[in-house]
């Protein structure tokens, strides 16, 4: 298995063992772009009318759950959440973020997820899998260059193994934890999704590699946001016309998390989770970014959805 890491000097090296240091040396954000605030959706555009960099917002169905599993200690009422994932078309290569639920969750959810379905019940058609959805916007799975993993929970690992030429970029802390999680997090990790032969992993090193710029042009930056999971990361996507779009992923499931009204239903560190939201709020303020939370059903309704539309 090919692994690329960073050494103490920040140089890229190939390695098959050892951990990446997590020294506090996060880099600064790029200069603040000149932006507009998020505006109402315009009339639908033809795909030919594009800046050349496009962000597509997909979902792999929904999860039926209880409110307490999304907003800590907030009751037993039923709550259904979307399961988003994202595709970015870029001149330097296509990029998938997460991939939502694995196709196996549509074929045999209990066989693949086990008793987790008693708490998080996936509602998904086979055609909702991320590889087939990519084809709906003209992207061959073989053309995807990078797969960015926010973390390795079961509703975010649907792309792993389904994009044969993609390098998978993940925080090392998350990868290591996924193989040996605490008892209270164990159900969130489906080892069959990420423990596969022939994968090309690249690991980031927490604060040490914070704000990692994928293409070196400021379009896709990875922001270390632990708390919900030890190696969680969020993404700042800066588009030519739309400007910055902040994908919080599960650092903020919902707007209640974003507004400090609730903690996520699953955390490994409540303090880290709160600090990560504060960090993202500063970034959103500095860049005037459009904020996309991880699983908020009302927030999710407000965005342009693939395959019919995109942001550029």
C-alpha atoms as a PDB file:
ATOM      1  CA  UNK A   1       0.000   0.000   0.000  1.00  0.00           C
ATOM      2  CA  UNK A   2       1.464   3.351  -1.033  1.00  0.00           C
ATOM      3  CA  UNK A   3       1.424   5.983   1.718  1.00  0.00           C
ATOM      4  CA  UNK A   4       2.599   9.571   1.450  1.00  0.00           C
ATOM      5  CA  UNK A   5       3.215  11.587   4.626  1.00  0.00           C
ATOM      6  CA  UNK A   6       5.019  14.717   5.818  1.00  0.00           C
ATOM      7  CA  UNK A   7       8.296  14.694   7.762  1.00  0.00           C
ATOM      8  CA  UNK A   8       9.341  17.123  10.517  1.00  0.00           C
ATOM      9  CA  UNK A   9      10.334  19.740   7.948  1.00  0.00           C
ATOM     10  CA  UNK A  10       7.038  19.554   6.122  1.00  0.00           C
ATOM     11  CA  UNK A  11       8.595  17.647   3.207  1.00  0.00           C
ATOM     12  CA  UNK A  12       6.565  14.964   1.438  1.00  0.00           C
ATOM     13  CA  UNK A  13       7.968  11.471   1.937  1.00  0.00           C
ATOM     14  CA  UNK A  14       6.793   7.973   1.167  1.00  0.00           C
ATOM     15  CA  UNK A  15       6.442   5.754   4.215  1.00  0.00           C
ATOM     16  CA  UNK A  16       4.883   2.497   5.306  1.00  0.00           C
ATOM     17  CA  UNK A  17       4.935   3.022   9.060  1.00  0.00           C
ATOM     18  CA  UNK A  18       5.157   5.688  11.747  1.00  0.00           C
ATOM     19  CA  UNK A  19       2.939   8.570  12.660  1.00  0.00           C
ATOM     20  CA  UNK A  20       2.868  12.127  11.451  1.00  0.00           C
ATOM     21  CA  UNK A  21       3.680  14.744  14.037  1.00  0.00           C
ATOM     22  CA  UNK A  22       0.864  17.016  15.139  1.00  0.00           C
ATOM     23  CA  UNK A  23       2.856  20.065  16.259  1.00  0.00           C
ATOM     24  CA  UNK A  24       0.880  23.290  16.425  1.00  0.00           C
ATOM     25  CA  UNK A  25       2.108  25.032  13.298  1.00  0.00           C
ATOM     26  CA  UNK A  26      -0.969  25.495  11.199  1.00  0.00           C
ATOM     27  CA  UNK A  27      -0.543  27.771   8.229  1.00  0.00           C
ATOM     28  CA  UNK A  28      -2.520  30.960   7.747  1.00  0.00           C
ATOM     29  CA  UNK A  29      -5.466  31.274   5.449  1.00  0.00           C
ATOM     30  CA  UNK A  30      -5.084  32.759   2.002  1.00  0.00           C
ATOM     31  CA  UNK A  31      -5.770  36.492   1.662  1.00  0.00           C
ATOM     32  CA  UNK A  32      -9.440  37.310   1.988  1.00  0.00           C
ATOM     33  CA  UNK A  33     -11.144  37.138  -1.424  1.00  0.00           C
ATOM     34  CA  UNK A  34     -13.477  39.849  -2.622  1.00  0.00           C
ATOM     35  CA  UNK A  35     -16.834  38.122  -2.272  1.00  0.00           C
ATOM     36  CA  UNK A  36     -20.556  38.421  -2.157  1.00  0.00           C
ATOM     37  CA  UNK A  37     -22.870  36.943   0.421  1.00  0.00           C
ATOM     38  CA  UNK A  38     -24.873  33.840  -0.453  1.00  0.00           C
ATOM     39  CA  UNK A  39     -27.708  34.943  -2.728  1.00  0.00           C
ATOM     40  CA  UNK A  40     -30.999  33.382  -3.794  1.00  0.00           C
ATOM     41  CA  UNK A  41     -30.666  30.736  -6.479  1.00  0.00           C
ATOM     42  CA  UNK A  42     -30.442  32.170  -9.992  1.00  0.00           C
ATOM     43  CA  UNK A  43     -32.249  30.737 -12.968  1.00  0.00           C
ATOM     44  CA  UNK A  44     -30.831  27.344 -13.851  1.00  0.00           C
ATOM     45  CA  UNK A  45     -27.779  27.578 -16.070  1.00  0.00           C
ATOM     46  CA  UNK A  46     -26.627  25.297 -18.837  1.00  0.00           C
ATOM     47  CA  UNK A  47     -23.501  23.344 -17.975  1.00  0.00           C
ATOM     48  CA  UNK A  48     -21.685  25.078 -20.829  1.00  0.00           C
ATOM     49  CA  UNK A  49     -21.989  28.327 -18.864  1.00  0.00           C
ATOM     50  CA  UNK A  50     -19.268  27.584 -16.326  1.00  0.00           C
ATOM     51  CA  UNK A  51     -16.124  29.147 -14.923  1.00  0.00           C
ATOM     52  CA  UNK A  52     -14.318  25.825 -15.371  1.00  0.00           C
ATOM     53  CA  UNK A  53     -14.374  24.882 -11.667  1.00  0.00           C
ATOM     54  CA  UNK A  54     -17.661  23.369 -10.494  1.00  0.00           C
ATOM     55  CA  UNK A  55     -18.960  22.163  -7.113  1.00  0.00           C
ATOM     56  CA  UNK A  56     -21.762  19.579  -7.205  1.00  0.00           C
ATOM     57  CA  UNK A  57     -23.809  18.801  -4.104  1.00  0.00           C
ATOM     58  CA  UNK A  58     -25.159  15.244  -4.110  1.00  0.00           C
ATOM     59  CA  UNK A  59     -26.713  13.009  -1.471  1.00  0.00           C
ATOM     60  CA  UNK A  60     -26.931   9.252  -0.968  1.00  0.00           C
ATOM     61  CA  UNK A  61     -30.442   9.182   0.428  1.00  0.00           C
ATOM     62  CA  UNK A  62     -31.204   9.873   4.083  1.00  0.00           C
ATOM     63  CA  UNK A  63     -30.809   8.411   7.566  1.00  0.00           C
ATOM     64  CA  UNK A  64     -33.845   7.879   9.787  1.00  0.00           C
ATOM     65  CA  UNK A  65     -32.788   8.338  13.376  1.00  0.00           C
ATOM     66  CA  UNK A  66     -33.702   9.962  16.690  1.00  0.00           C
ATOM     67  CA  UNK A  67     -33.114  13.606  17.530  1.00  0.00           C
ATOM     68  CA  UNK A  68     -30.815  12.667  20.438  1.00  0.00           C
ATOM     69  CA  UNK A  69     -28.381  11.008  18.032  1.00  0.00           C
ATOM     70  CA  UNK A  70     -27.983  14.254  16.109  1.00  0.00           C
ATOM     71  CA  UNK A  71     -28.384  16.832  18.898  1.00  0.00           C
ATOM     72  CA  UNK A  72     -27.042  15.495  22.171  1.00  0.00           C
ATOM     73  CA  UNK A  73     -29.643  14.944  24.916  1.00  0.00           C
ATOM     74  CA  UNK A  74     -32.452  16.593  22.943  1.00  0.00           C
ATOM     75  CA  UNK A  75     -35.082  13.878  22.955  1.00  0.00           C
ATOM     76  CA  UNK A  76     -36.497  10.731  21.401  1.00  0.00           C
ATOM     77  CA  UNK A  77     -38.471  12.279  18.536  1.00  0.00           C
ATOM     78  CA  UNK A  78     -37.922  10.911  15.030  1.00  0.00           C
ATOM     79  CA  UNK A  79     -35.494  12.861  12.891  1.00  0.00           C
ATOM     80  CA  UNK A  80     -34.491  12.264   9.259  1.00  0.00           C
ATOM     81  CA  UNK A  81     -31.295  13.730   7.893  1.00  0.00           C
ATOM     82  CA  UNK A  82     -29.742  13.977   4.416  1.00  0.00           C
ATOM     83  CA  UNK A  83     -26.444  12.236   3.663  1.00  0.00           C
ATOM     84  CA  UNK A  84     -24.500  14.680   1.451  1.00  0.00           C
ATOM     85  CA  UNK A  85     -21.352  14.216  -0.546  1.00  0.00           C
ATOM     86  CA  UNK A  86     -19.566  16.497  -2.998  1.00  0.00           C
ATOM     87  CA  UNK A  87     -17.866  16.457  -6.398  1.00  0.00           C
ATOM     88  CA  UNK A  88     -15.534  19.168  -7.647  1.00  0.00           C
ATOM     89  CA  UNK A  89     -14.578  19.451 -11.291  1.00  0.00           C
ATOM     90  CA  UNK A  90     -11.197  21.176 -11.533  1.00  0.00           C
ATOM     91  CA  UNK A  91      -8.795  21.589 -14.478  1.00  0.00           C
ATOM     92  CA  UNK A  92      -6.148  19.707 -12.490  1.00  0.00           C
ATOM     93  CA  UNK A  93      -8.428  16.745 -11.810  1.00  0.00           C
ATOM     94  CA  UNK A  94     -11.803  15.677 -10.473  1.00  0.00           C
ATOM     95  CA  UNK A  95     -12.229  15.490  -6.688  1.00  0.00           C
ATOM     96  CA  UNK A  96     -14.782  13.594  -4.580  1.00  0.00           C
ATOM     97  CA  UNK A  97     -15.418  14.509  -0.946  1.00  0.00           C
ATOM     98  CA  UNK A  98     -16.630  11.575   1.179  1.00  0.00           C
ATOM     99  CA  UNK A  99     -19.144   9.736  -1.014  1.00  0.00           C
ATOM    100  CA  UNK A 100     -21.956   9.301   1.522  1.00  0.00           C
ATOM    101  CA  UNK A 101     -23.276   5.818   2.293  1.00  0.00           C
ATOM    102  CA  UNK A 102     -21.697   2.812   0.640  1.00  0.00           C
ATOM    103  CA  UNK A 103     -23.737   1.015  -2.028  1.00  0.00           C
ATOM    104  CA  UNK A 104     -23.907  -1.998   0.313  1.00  0.00           C
ATOM    105  CA  UNK A 105     -26.197   0.019   2.604  1.00  0.00           C
ATOM    106  CA  UNK A 106     -28.753   0.020  -0.208  1.00  0.00           C
ATOM    107  CA  UNK A 107     -28.319  -3.666  -1.052  1.00  0.00           C
ATOM    108  CA  UNK A 108     -28.278  -5.192   2.463  1.00  0.00           C
ATOM    109  CA  UNK A 109     -28.174  -2.510   5.137  1.00  0.00           C
ATOM    110  CA  UNK A 110     -28.282  -4.826   8.150  1.00  0.00           C
ATOM    111  CA  UNK A 111     -25.802  -7.224   6.613  1.00  0.00           C
ATOM    112  CA  UNK A 112     -23.351  -4.358   6.029  1.00  0.00           C
ATOM    113  CA  UNK A 113     -24.019  -2.091   9.024  1.00  0.00           C
ATOM    114  CA  UNK A 114     -25.294  -4.603  11.562  1.00  0.00           C
ATOM    115  CA  UNK A 115     -27.234  -3.341  14.575  1.00  0.00           C
ATOM    116  CA  UNK A 116     -26.300   0.259  13.752  1.00  0.00           C
ATOM    117  CA  UNK A 117     -29.424   0.369  11.593  1.00  0.00           C
ATOM    118  CA  UNK A 118     -31.500   0.338  14.770  1.00  0.00           C
ATOM    119  CA  UNK A 119     -30.158   3.829  15.491  1.00  0.00           C
ATOM    120  CA  UNK A 120     -29.349   5.069  11.980  1.00  0.00           C
ATOM    121  CA  UNK A 121     -31.569   3.521   9.328  1.00  0.00           C
ATOM    122  CA  UNK A 122     -30.361   4.277   5.771  1.00  0.00           C
ATOM    123  CA  UNK A 123     -33.005   5.095   3.170  1.00  0.00           C
ATOM    124  CA  UNK A 124     -31.166   4.714  -0.117  1.00  0.00           C
ATOM    125  CA  UNK A 125     -31.616   3.270  -3.606  1.00  0.00           C
ATOM    126  CA  UNK A 126     -28.815   1.364  -5.304  1.00  0.00           C
ATOM    127  CA  UNK A 127     -28.682   4.099  -7.963  1.00  0.00           C
ATOM    128  CA  UNK A 128     -27.872   6.652  -5.243  1.00  0.00           C
ATOM    129  CA  UNK A 129     -24.305   5.370  -4.889  1.00  0.00           C
ATOM    130  CA  UNK A 130     -21.685   8.024  -5.537  1.00  0.00           C
ATOM    131  CA  UNK A 131     -19.917   6.348  -8.450  1.00  0.00           C
ATOM    132  CA  UNK A 132     -23.126   6.140 -10.504  1.00  0.00           C
ATOM    133  CA  UNK A 133     -24.107   9.666  -9.522  1.00  0.00           C
ATOM    134  CA  UNK A 134     -20.774  10.929 -10.848  1.00  0.00           C
ATOM    135  CA  UNK A 135     -21.691   9.508 -14.245  1.00  0.00           C
ATOM    136  CA  UNK A 136     -24.880  11.603 -14.194  1.00  0.00           C
ATOM    137  CA  UNK A 137     -22.742  14.740 -14.590  1.00  0.00           C
ATOM    138  CA  UNK A 138     -20.331  13.229 -17.095  1.00  0.00           C
ATOM    139  CA  UNK A 139     -17.594  12.116 -14.701  1.00  0.00           C
ATOM    140  CA  UNK A 140     -16.103   8.658 -15.208  1.00  0.00           C
ATOM    141  CA  UNK A 141     -15.070   7.139 -11.846  1.00  0.00           C
ATOM    142  CA  UNK A 142     -11.692   6.364 -13.427  1.00  0.00           C
ATOM    143  CA  UNK A 143     -11.136  10.099 -13.966  1.00  0.00           C
ATOM    144  CA  UNK A 144     -11.358  11.021 -10.266  1.00  0.00           C
ATOM    145  CA  UNK A 145      -7.900  12.055  -9.097  1.00  0.00           C
ATOM    146  CA  UNK A 146      -8.505  12.622  -5.382  1.00  0.00           C
ATOM    147  CA  UNK A 147     -10.893  11.330  -2.744  1.00  0.00           C
ATOM    148  CA  UNK A 148     -10.943  13.561   0.336  1.00  0.00           C
ATOM    149  CA  UNK A 149     -12.198  11.936   3.526  1.00  0.00           C
ATOM    150  CA  UNK A 150     -13.598  14.261   6.171  1.00  0.00           C
ATOM    151  CA  UNK A 151     -13.502  11.240   8.496  1.00  0.00           C
ATOM    152  CA  UNK A 152     -14.254   7.528   8.281  1.00  0.00           C
ATOM    153  CA  UNK A 153     -17.742   7.169   9.765  1.00  0.00           C
ATOM    154  CA  UNK A 154     -20.093   4.856   7.898  1.00  0.00           C
ATOM    155  CA  UNK A 155     -22.124   7.621   6.218  1.00  0.00           C
ATOM    156  CA  UNK A 156     -18.986   9.170   4.699  1.00  0.00           C
ATOM    157  CA  UNK A 157     -17.057   6.178   3.318  1.00  0.00           C
ATOM    158  CA  UNK A 158     -19.183   5.309   0.292  1.00  0.00           C
ATOM    159  CA  UNK A 159     -16.524   6.337  -2.225  1.00  0.00           C
ATOM    160  CA  UNK A 160     -13.590   4.317  -0.900  1.00  0.00           C
ATOM    161  CA  UNK A 161     -12.643   1.570  -3.329  1.00  0.00           C
ATOM    162  CA  UNK A 162     -14.980   2.804  -6.071  1.00  0.00           C
ATOM    163  CA  UNK A 163     -12.624   5.283  -7.758  1.00  0.00           C
ATOM    164  CA  UNK A 164      -9.723   3.093  -8.880  1.00  0.00           C
ATOM    165  CA  UNK A 165      -7.191   5.819  -9.700  1.00  0.00           C
ATOM    166  CA  UNK A 166      -7.948   8.179  -6.817  1.00  0.00           C
ATOM    167  CA  UNK A 167      -5.534   8.999  -4.045  1.00  0.00           C
ATOM    168  CA  UNK A 168      -7.356   9.063  -0.702  1.00  0.00           C
ATOM    169  CA  UNK A 169      -6.428  11.957   1.592  1.00  0.00           C
ATOM    170  CA  UNK A 170      -7.303  11.509   5.246  1.00  0.00           C
ATOM    171  CA  UNK A 171      -5.983  12.604   8.626  1.00  0.00           C
ATOM    172  CA  UNK A 172      -3.631   9.975  10.043  1.00  0.00           C
ATOM    173  CA  UNK A 173      -5.268  10.327  13.472  1.00  0.00           C
ATOM    174  CA  UNK A 174      -8.602   9.345  11.938  1.00  0.00           C
ATOM    175  CA  UNK A 175      -7.212   6.381  10.013  1.00  0.00           C
ATOM    176  CA  UNK A 176      -5.525   4.952  13.098  1.00  0.00           C
ATOM    177  CA  UNK A 177      -8.560   5.523  15.322  1.00  0.00           C
ATOM    178  CA  UNK A 178     -10.887   3.828  12.819  1.00  0.00           C
ATOM    179  CA  UNK A 179      -9.087   0.522  13.421  1.00  0.00           C
ATOM    180  CA  UNK A 180      -9.291   0.816  17.210  1.00  0.00           C
ATOM    181  CA  UNK A 181     -12.108   3.173  18.238  1.00  0.00           C
ATOM    182  CA  UNK A 182     -13.523   3.644  21.716  1.00  0.00           C
ATOM    183  CA  UNK A 183     -16.480   1.417  22.551  1.00  0.00           C
ATOM    184  CA  UNK A 184     -18.944   4.311  22.173  1.00  0.00           C
ATOM    185  CA  UNK A 185     -17.728   5.091  18.637  1.00  0.00           C
ATOM    186  CA  UNK A 186     -17.197   1.549  17.367  1.00  0.00           C
ATOM    187  CA  UNK A 187     -20.545   1.287  15.599  1.00  0.00           C
ATOM    188  CA  UNK A 188     -19.766   4.334  13.471  1.00  0.00           C
ATOM    189  CA  UNK A 189     -16.857   2.583  11.716  1.00  0.00           C
ATOM    190  CA  UNK A 190     -17.529  -0.140   9.134  1.00  0.00           C
ATOM    191  CA  UNK A 191     -14.105  -1.643   8.583  1.00  0.00           C
ATOM    192  CA  UNK A 192     -15.132  -3.319   5.340  1.00  0.00           C
ATOM    193  CA  UNK A 193     -15.534   0.144   3.803  1.00  0.00           C
ATOM    194  CA  UNK A 194     -11.963   1.338   4.366  1.00  0.00           C
ATOM    195  CA  UNK A 195      -9.853  -1.759   5.077  1.00  0.00           C
ATOM    196  CA  UNK A 196      -9.399  -2.778   1.452  1.00  0.00           C
ATOM    197  CA  UNK A 197      -6.356  -3.885  -0.561  1.00  0.00           C
ATOM    198  CA  UNK A 198      -4.834  -1.719  -3.265  1.00  0.00           C
ATOM    199  CA  UNK A 199      -5.806   1.690  -1.884  1.00  0.00           C
ATOM    200  CA  UNK A 200      -3.536   4.713  -2.296  1.00  0.00           C
ATOM    201  CA  UNK A 201      -3.620   6.637   0.995  1.00  0.00           C
ATOM    202  CA  UNK A 202      -2.067   9.975   1.850  1.00  0.00           C
ATOM    203  CA  UNK A 203      -2.157  11.069   5.490  1.00  0.00           C
ATOM    204  CA  UNK A 204      -2.221  14.582   6.898  1.00  0.00           C
ATOM    205  CA  UNK A 205      -0.868  15.512  10.309  1.00  0.00           C
ATOM    206  CA  UNK A 206      -3.510  17.485  12.179  1.00  0.00           C
ATOM    207  CA  UNK A 207      -2.504  21.020  13.162  1.00  0.00           C
ATOM    208  CA  UNK A 208       0.910  20.550  11.542  1.00  0.00           C
ATOM    209  CA  UNK A 209      -0.595  20.282   8.059  1.00  0.00           C
ATOM    210  CA  UNK A 210      -3.656  22.430   8.735  1.00  0.00           C
ATOM    211  CA  UNK A 211      -5.091  24.415   5.818  1.00  0.00           C
ATOM    212  CA  UNK A 212      -3.536  21.987   3.326  1.00  0.00           C
ATOM    213  CA  UNK A 213      -4.059  23.358  -0.187  1.00  0.00           C
ATOM    214  CA  UNK A 214      -4.797  20.447  -2.525  1.00  0.00           C
ATOM    215  CA  UNK A 215      -3.884  22.047  -5.859  1.00  0.00           C
ATOM    216  CA  UNK A 216      -1.809  24.964  -4.574  1.00  0.00           C
ATOM    217  CA  UNK A 217      -4.247  27.465  -6.059  1.00  0.00           C
ATOM    218  CA  UNK A 218      -6.514  28.097  -3.066  1.00  0.00           C
ATOM    219  CA  UNK A 219      -9.503  26.234  -4.520  1.00  0.00           C
ATOM    220  CA  UNK A 220      -9.619  23.360  -2.009  1.00  0.00           C
ATOM    221  CA  UNK A 221      -8.262  23.705   1.510  1.00  0.00           C
ATOM    222  CA  UNK A 222      -8.533  21.117   4.280  1.00  0.00           C
ATOM    223  CA  UNK A 223      -9.168  22.381   7.794  1.00  0.00           C
ATOM    224  CA  UNK A 224      -8.443  20.172  10.792  1.00  0.00           C
ATOM    225  CA  UNK A 225     -11.603  20.114  12.954  1.00  0.00           C
ATOM    226  CA  UNK A 226     -11.434  17.308  15.558  1.00  0.00           C
ATOM    227  CA  UNK A 227     -14.113  16.620  18.148  1.00  0.00           C
ATOM    228  CA  UNK A 228     -16.813  14.648  16.409  1.00  0.00           C
ATOM    229  CA  UNK A 229     -14.003  12.288  15.396  1.00  0.00           C
ATOM    230  CA  UNK A 230     -10.293  12.492  16.307  1.00  0.00           C
ATOM    231  CA  UNK A 231      -9.212  13.172  12.735  1.00  0.00           C
ATOM    232  CA  UNK A 232     -12.176  15.090  11.351  1.00  0.00           C
ATOM    233  CA  UNK A 233     -11.495  17.701   8.691  1.00  0.00           C
ATOM    234  CA  UNK A 234     -13.687  20.287   6.994  1.00  0.00           C
ATOM    235  CA  UNK A 235     -13.177  21.964   3.609  1.00  0.00           C
ATOM    236  CA  UNK A 236     -13.008  25.527   2.332  1.00  0.00           C
ATOM    237  CA  UNK A 237     -13.826  25.547  -1.379  1.00  0.00           C
ATOM    238  CA  UNK A 238     -13.174  28.843  -3.176  1.00  0.00           C
ATOM    239  CA  UNK A 239     -14.936  29.135  -6.532  1.00  0.00           C
ATOM    240  CA  UNK A 240     -14.392  31.800  -9.225  1.00  0.00           C
ATOM    241  CA  UNK A 241     -17.977  33.109  -9.216  1.00  0.00           C
ATOM    242  CA  UNK A 242     -19.553  31.885  -5.987  1.00  0.00           C
ATOM    243  CA  UNK A 243     -16.557  32.655  -3.789  1.00  0.00           C
ATOM    244  CA  UNK A 244     -15.806  30.602  -0.663  1.00  0.00           C
ATOM    245  CA  UNK A 245     -18.060  27.725   0.348  1.00  0.00           C
ATOM    246  CA  UNK A 246     -17.340  26.236   3.771  1.00  0.00           C
ATOM    247  CA  UNK A 247     -18.240  22.554   4.018  1.00  0.00           C
ATOM    248  CA  UNK A 248     -18.312  21.976   7.761  1.00  0.00           C
ATOM    249  CA  UNK A 249     -19.177  18.289   7.284  1.00  0.00           C
ATOM    250  CA  UNK A 250     -19.742  16.792  10.771  1.00  0.00           C
ATOM    251  CA  UNK A 251     -17.850  19.474  12.677  1.00  0.00           C
ATOM    252  CA  UNK A 252     -21.323  21.051  12.598  1.00  0.00           C
ATOM    253  CA  UNK A 253     -24.088  18.564  11.761  1.00  0.00           C
ATOM    254  CA  UNK A 254     -26.757  21.244  11.941  1.00  0.00           C
ATOM    255  CA  UNK A 255     -27.227  24.985  12.347  1.00  0.00           C
ATOM    256  CA  UNK A 256     -27.851  24.349  16.057  1.00  0.00           C
ATOM    257  CA  UNK A 257     -24.295  23.059  16.326  1.00  0.00           C
ATOM    258  CA  UNK A 258     -23.045  25.986  14.258  1.00  0.00           C
ATOM    259  CA  UNK A 259     -24.830  28.436  16.572  1.00  0.00           C
ATOM    260  CA  UNK A 260     -23.589  26.738  19.774  1.00  0.00           C
ATOM    261  CA  UNK A 261     -27.062  25.539  20.771  1.00  0.00           C
ATOM    262  CA  UNK A 262     -26.223  21.820  20.766  1.00  0.00           C
ATOM    263  CA  UNK A 263     -23.397  19.314  20.622  1.00  0.00           C
ATOM    264  CA  UNK A 264     -23.365  16.516  18.045  1.00  0.00           C
ATOM    265  CA  UNK A 265     -24.969  13.283  19.189  1.00  0.00           C
ATOM    266  CA  UNK A 266     -21.593  11.540  18.824  1.00  0.00           C
ATOM    267  CA  UNK A 267     -18.333  13.150  19.931  1.00  0.00           C
ATOM    268  CA  UNK A 268     -14.960  11.900  21.090  1.00  0.00           C
ATOM    269  CA  UNK A 269     -14.239  15.296  22.694  1.00  0.00           C
ATOM    270  CA  UNK A 270     -16.885  17.900  23.449  1.00  0.00           C
ATOM    271  CA  UNK A 271     -14.203  20.535  24.054  1.00  0.00           C
ATOM    272  CA  UNK A 272     -12.540  19.849  20.700  1.00  0.00           C
ATOM    273  CA  UNK A 273     -15.950  19.882  18.986  1.00  0.00           C
ATOM    274  CA  UNK A 274     -16.747  23.318  20.426  1.00  0.00           C
ATOM    275  CA  UNK A 275     -13.290  24.646  19.555  1.00  0.00           C
ATOM    276  CA  UNK A 276     -13.616  23.380  15.992  1.00  0.00           C
ATOM    277  CA  UNK A 277     -16.923  25.201  15.510  1.00  0.00           C
ATOM    278  CA  UNK A 278     -15.331  28.378  16.848  1.00  0.00           C
ATOM    279  CA  UNK A 279     -12.450  27.935  14.408  1.00  0.00           C
ATOM    280  CA  UNK A 280     -14.817  27.457  11.462  1.00  0.00           C
ATOM    281  CA  UNK A 281     -16.907  30.450  12.500  1.00  0.00           C
ATOM    282  CA  UNK A 282     -13.771  32.623  12.391  1.00  0.00           C
ATOM    283  CA  UNK A 283     -12.929  31.327   8.928  1.00  0.00           C
ATOM    284  CA  UNK A 284     -16.489  31.944   7.713  1.00  0.00           C
ATOM    285  CA  UNK A 285     -16.368  35.487   9.075  1.00  0.00           C
ATOM    286  CA  UNK A 286     -12.936  36.210   7.569  1.00  0.00           C
ATOM    287  CA  UNK A 287     -13.847  34.909   4.120  1.00  0.00           C
ATOM    288  CA  UNK A 288     -17.586  35.695   3.969  1.00  0.00           C
ATOM    289  CA  UNK A 289     -18.113  32.042   3.064  1.00  0.00           C
ATOM    290  CA  UNK A 290     -21.402  30.334   2.344  1.00  0.00           C
ATOM    291  CA  UNK A 291     -21.756  27.734   5.114  1.00  0.00           C
ATOM    292  CA  UNK A 292     -22.960  24.206   4.358  1.00  0.00           C
ATOM    293  CA  UNK A 293     -23.569  22.139   7.499  1.00  0.00           C
ATOM    294  CA  UNK A 294     -23.194  18.379   7.545  1.00  0.00           C
ATOM    295  CA  UNK A 295     -26.704  16.950   7.933  1.00  0.00           C
ATOM    296  CA  UNK A 296     -29.184  19.755   8.564  1.00  0.00           C
ATOM    297  CA  UNK A 297     -32.369  18.928   6.607  1.00  0.00           C
ATOM    298  CA  UNK A 298     -33.530  22.550   6.462  1.00  0.00           C
ATOM    299  CA  UNK A 299     -30.127  24.027   5.617  1.00  0.00           C
ATOM    300  CA  UNK A 300     -29.586  21.374   2.936  1.00  0.00           C
ATOM    301  CA  UNK A 301     -32.811  22.346   1.152  1.00  0.00           C
ATOM    302  CA  UNK A 302     -31.487  25.834   0.442  1.00  0.00           C
ATOM    303  CA  UNK A 303     -28.639  24.775  -1.861  1.00  0.00           C
ATOM    304  CA  UNK A 304     -28.466  23.965  -5.572  1.00  0.00           C
ATOM    305  CA  UNK A 305     -28.484  20.206  -6.032  1.00  0.00           C
ATOM    306  CA  UNK A 306     -26.719  17.921  -8.447  1.00  0.00           C
ATOM    307  CA  UNK A 307     -27.140  16.591 -11.014  1.00  0.00           C
ATOM    308  CA  UNK A 308     -29.327  19.478 -12.187  1.00  0.00           C
ATOM    309  CA  UNK A 309     -27.238  22.403 -10.989  1.00  0.00           C
ATOM    310  CA  UNK A 310     -23.896  23.348  -9.487  1.00  0.00           C
ATOM    311  CA  UNK A 311     -21.845  26.196  -8.039  1.00  0.00           C
ATOM    312  CA  UNK A 312     -18.914  27.670  -9.910  1.00  0.00           C
END
